[in-house]
Amino acid sequence: MRSWQELVRVRKEIDSLQKRLQKAHTQERCLVESCQQWLTANPGARPSRAEAVVLNTLLQNPELHNKQLASKLNLSIRTIKWHLSALMKKFKVESRHELVRLLASSATLPAQRRGSF
């Protein structure tokens, strides 16, 4: 059996995880709304499903390099580069950092519903 102190510690960990999950969910909702507004104002920038998956992953993990994105999404590095290049053209930016800044400044993070915004 577990001691009372151990149960209290586990409960605190659960509470902490719930708070972090709720915060992440709130940020994601804000980003979805922000991205939808931005995309409504810029209809030519609408990403394909595959681009949306790459973009969503990049926005959630902006520190990842192409190789890490490819591994995370089970895609080739070349495919990641292709999608990022297409996204940068659609959003009229010169780098992936600008892309992240542009969308992150609009809110915080687009989630995808079946790969679309």
C-alpha atoms as a PDB file:
ATOM      1  CA  MET A   1       0.000   0.000   0.000  1.00  0.00           C
ATOM      2  CA  ARG A   2       1.060   3.543  -0.593  1.00  0.00           C
ATOM      3  CA  SER A   3       1.619   5.965   2.201  1.00  0.00           C
ATOM      4  CA  TRP A   4      -0.545   9.030   2.652  1.00  0.00           C
ATOM      5  CA  GLN A   5       2.370  11.310   1.745  1.00  0.00           C
ATOM      6  CA  GLU A   6       2.978   9.421  -1.483  1.00  0.00           C
ATOM      7  CA  LEU A   7      -0.691   9.736  -2.443  1.00  0.00           C
ATOM      8  CA  VAL A   8      -0.586  13.484  -1.739  1.00  0.00           C
ATOM      9  CA  ARG A   9       2.533  13.822  -3.916  1.00  0.00           C
ATOM     10  CA  VAL A  10       0.897  11.892  -6.765  1.00  0.00           C
ATOM     11  CA  ARG A  11      -2.244  14.041  -6.476  1.00  0.00           C
ATOM     12  CA  LYS A  12      -0.146  17.216  -6.711  1.00  0.00           C
ATOM     13  CA  GLU A  13       1.564  15.869  -9.830  1.00  0.00           C
ATOM     14  CA  ILE A  14      -1.825  15.095 -11.383  1.00  0.00           C
ATOM     15  CA  ASP A  15      -3.084  18.601 -10.565  1.00  0.00           C
ATOM     16  CA  SER A  16       0.045  20.124 -12.084  1.00  0.00           C
ATOM     17  CA  LEU A  17      -0.348  18.087 -15.277  1.00  0.00           C
ATOM     18  CA  GLN A  18      -4.011  19.044 -15.546  1.00  0.00           C
ATOM     19  CA  LYS A  19      -3.138  22.735 -15.268  1.00  0.00           C
ATOM     20  CA  ARG A  20      -0.435  22.421 -17.946  1.00  0.00           C
ATOM     21  CA  LEU A  21      -2.817  20.557 -20.241  1.00  0.00           C
ATOM     22  CA  GLN A  22      -5.523  23.173 -19.758  1.00  0.00           C
ATOM     23  CA  LYS A  23      -3.043  25.980 -20.511  1.00  0.00           C
ATOM     24  CA  ALA A  24      -1.865  24.209 -23.673  1.00  0.00           C
ATOM     25  CA  HIS A  25      -5.464  23.676 -24.779  1.00  0.00           C
ATOM     26  CA  THR A  26      -6.255  27.374 -24.246  1.00  0.00           C
ATOM     27  CA  GLN A  27      -3.167  28.424 -26.240  1.00  0.00           C
ATOM     28  CA  GLU A  28      -4.106  26.042 -29.038  1.00  0.00           C
ATOM     29  CA  ARG A  29      -7.650  27.418 -29.183  1.00  0.00           C
ATOM     30  CA  CYS A  30      -6.313  30.992 -29.381  1.00  0.00           C
ATOM     31  CA  LEU A  31      -3.968  30.030 -32.194  1.00  0.00           C
ATOM     32  CA  VAL A  32      -6.694  28.307 -34.148  1.00  0.00           C
ATOM     33  CA  GLU A  33      -8.872  31.402 -33.951  1.00  0.00           C
ATOM     34  CA  SER A  34      -5.978  33.678 -34.833  1.00  0.00           C
ATOM     35  CA  CYS A  35      -4.885  31.567 -37.787  1.00  0.00           C
ATOM     36  CA  GLN A  36      -8.440  31.330 -39.058  1.00  0.00           C
ATOM     37  CA  GLN A  37      -8.730  35.123 -38.967  1.00  0.00           C
ATOM     38  CA  TRP A  38      -5.367  35.514 -40.700  1.00  0.00           C
ATOM     39  CA  LEU A  39      -6.262  32.953 -43.370  1.00  0.00           C
ATOM     40  CA  THR A  40      -9.638  34.619 -43.961  1.00  0.00           C
ATOM     41  CA  ALA A  41      -7.824  37.894 -44.580  1.00  0.00           C
ATOM     42  CA  ASN A  42      -5.236  36.128 -46.803  1.00  0.00           C
ATOM     43  CA  PRO A  43      -7.123  33.441 -48.762  1.00  0.00           C
ATOM     44  CA  GLY A  44      -4.164  32.694 -51.045  1.00  0.00           C
ATOM     45  CA  ALA A  45      -2.167  31.486 -48.036  1.00  0.00           C
ATOM     46  CA  ARG A  46      -4.391  28.494 -47.290  1.00  0.00           C
ATOM     47  CA  PRO A  47      -2.093  25.485 -46.764  1.00  0.00           C
ATOM     48  CA  SER A  48      -2.754  22.015 -48.112  1.00  0.00           C
ATOM     49  CA  ARG A  49      -3.466  19.216 -45.631  1.00  0.00           C
ATOM     50  CA  ALA A  50       0.136  18.024 -45.675  1.00  0.00           C
ATOM     51  CA  GLU A  51       1.432  21.590 -45.298  1.00  0.00           C
ATOM     52  CA  ALA A  52      -0.975  22.142 -42.397  1.00  0.00           C
ATOM     53  CA  VAL A  53       0.396  19.102 -40.578  1.00  0.00           C
ATOM     54  CA  VAL A  54       3.979  20.335 -41.046  1.00  0.00           C
ATOM     55  CA  LEU A  55       3.012  23.885 -40.046  1.00  0.00           C
ATOM     56  CA  ASN A  56       1.147  22.731 -36.957  1.00  0.00           C
ATOM     57  CA  THR A  57       4.094  20.620 -35.835  1.00  0.00           C
ATOM     58  CA  LEU A  58       6.527  23.462 -36.509  1.00  0.00           C
ATOM     59  CA  LEU A  59       4.429  25.947 -34.549  1.00  0.00           C
ATOM     60  CA  GLN A  60       4.154  23.567 -31.612  1.00  0.00           C
ATOM     61  CA  ASN A  61       7.900  22.812 -31.747  1.00  0.00           C
ATOM     62  CA  PRO A  62       9.638  25.834 -33.335  1.00  0.00           C
ATOM     63  CA  GLU A  63      13.040  24.674 -32.093  1.00  0.00           C
ATOM     64  CA  LEU A  64      12.966  21.511 -34.247  1.00  0.00           C
ATOM     65  CA  HIS A  65      15.264  21.264 -37.240  1.00  0.00           C
ATOM     66  CA  ASN A  66      14.113  19.776 -40.549  1.00  0.00           C
ATOM     67  CA  LYS A  67      15.578  16.385 -39.696  1.00  0.00           C
ATOM     68  CA  GLN A  68      13.722  16.314 -36.375  1.00  0.00           C
ATOM     69  CA  LEU A  69      10.460  17.430 -38.023  1.00  0.00           C
ATOM     70  CA  ALA A  70      10.879  14.693 -40.611  1.00  0.00           C
ATOM     71  CA  SER A  71      11.455  12.090 -37.929  1.00  0.00           C
ATOM     72  CA  LYS A  72       8.506  13.274 -35.848  1.00  0.00           C
ATOM     73  CA  LEU A  73       6.157  13.177 -38.860  1.00  0.00           C
ATOM     74  CA  ASN A  74       7.648  10.076 -40.494  1.00  0.00           C
ATOM     75  CA  LEU A  75       8.465  12.041 -43.643  1.00  0.00           C
ATOM     76  CA  SER A  76      11.673  12.555 -45.557  1.00  0.00           C
ATOM     77  CA  ILE A  77      13.755  15.668 -44.964  1.00  0.00           C
ATOM     78  CA  ARG A  78      13.187  16.570 -48.593  1.00  0.00           C
ATOM     79  CA  THR A  79       9.417  16.453 -48.114  1.00  0.00           C
ATOM     80  CA  ILE A  80       9.696  18.723 -45.066  1.00  0.00           C
ATOM     81  CA  LYS A  81      11.794  21.200 -47.075  1.00  0.00           C
ATOM     82  CA  TRP A  82       9.250  21.069 -49.913  1.00  0.00           C
ATOM     83  CA  HIS A  83       6.308  21.840 -47.618  1.00  0.00           C
ATOM     84  CA  LEU A  84       8.175  24.571 -45.746  1.00  0.00           C
ATOM     85  CA  SER A  85       9.161  26.178 -49.037  1.00  0.00           C
ATOM     86  CA  ALA A  86       5.546  26.127 -50.225  1.00  0.00           C
ATOM     87  CA  LEU A  87       4.357  27.577 -46.910  1.00  0.00           C
ATOM     88  CA  MET A  88       6.936  30.375 -47.039  1.00  0.00           C
ATOM     89  CA  LYS A  89       5.753  31.304 -50.536  1.00  0.00           C
ATOM     90  CA  LYS A  90       2.095  31.258 -49.517  1.00  0.00           C
ATOM     91  CA  PHE A  91       2.709  33.381 -46.442  1.00  0.00           C
ATOM     92  CA  LYS A  92       5.168  35.605 -48.317  1.00  0.00           C
ATOM     93  CA  VAL A  93       8.058  35.199 -45.886  1.00  0.00           C
ATOM     94  CA  GLU A  94      11.750  34.491 -46.458  1.00  0.00           C
ATOM     95  CA  SER A  95      12.445  31.976 -43.673  1.00  0.00           C
ATOM     96  CA  ARG A  96      10.797  29.457 -41.399  1.00  0.00           C
ATOM     97  CA  HIS A  97      11.598  31.755 -38.471  1.00  0.00           C
ATOM     98  CA  GLU A  98       9.573  34.544 -40.085  1.00  0.00           C
ATOM     99  CA  LEU A  99       6.763  32.063 -40.718  1.00  0.00           C
ATOM    100  CA  VAL A 100       6.669  31.051 -37.062  1.00  0.00           C
ATOM    101  CA  ARG A 101       6.901  34.687 -35.920  1.00  0.00           C
ATOM    102  CA  LEU A 102       4.123  35.749 -38.285  1.00  0.00           C
ATOM    103  CA  LEU A 103       1.669  33.146 -37.076  1.00  0.00           C
ATOM    104  CA  ALA A 104       2.791  33.175 -33.450  1.00  0.00           C
ATOM    105  CA  SER A 105       2.363  36.957 -33.278  1.00  0.00           C
ATOM    106  CA  SER A 106      -1.187  36.541 -34.560  1.00  0.00           C
ATOM    107  CA  ALA A 107      -1.979  34.278 -31.581  1.00  0.00           C
ATOM    108  CA  THR A 108      -0.215  31.188 -30.393  1.00  0.00           C
ATOM    109  CA  LEU A 109      -0.701  27.901 -32.380  1.00  0.00           C
ATOM    110  CA  PRO A 110      -2.884  26.339 -35.084  1.00  0.00           C
ATOM    111  CA  ALA A 111      -4.302  22.946 -34.392  1.00  0.00           C
ATOM    112  CA  GLN A 112      -5.542  20.950 -37.274  1.00  0.00           C
ATOM    113  CA  ARG A 113      -8.864  19.322 -37.772  1.00  0.00           C
ATOM    114  CA  ARG A 114      -8.063  16.508 -40.137  1.00  0.00           C
ATOM    115  CA  GLY A 115      -5.137  18.469 -41.522  1.00  0.00           C
ATOM    116  CA  SER A 116      -6.911  21.712 -42.290  1.00  0.00           C
ATOM    117  CA  PHE A 117      -7.413  25.070 -40.595  1.00  0.00           C
END
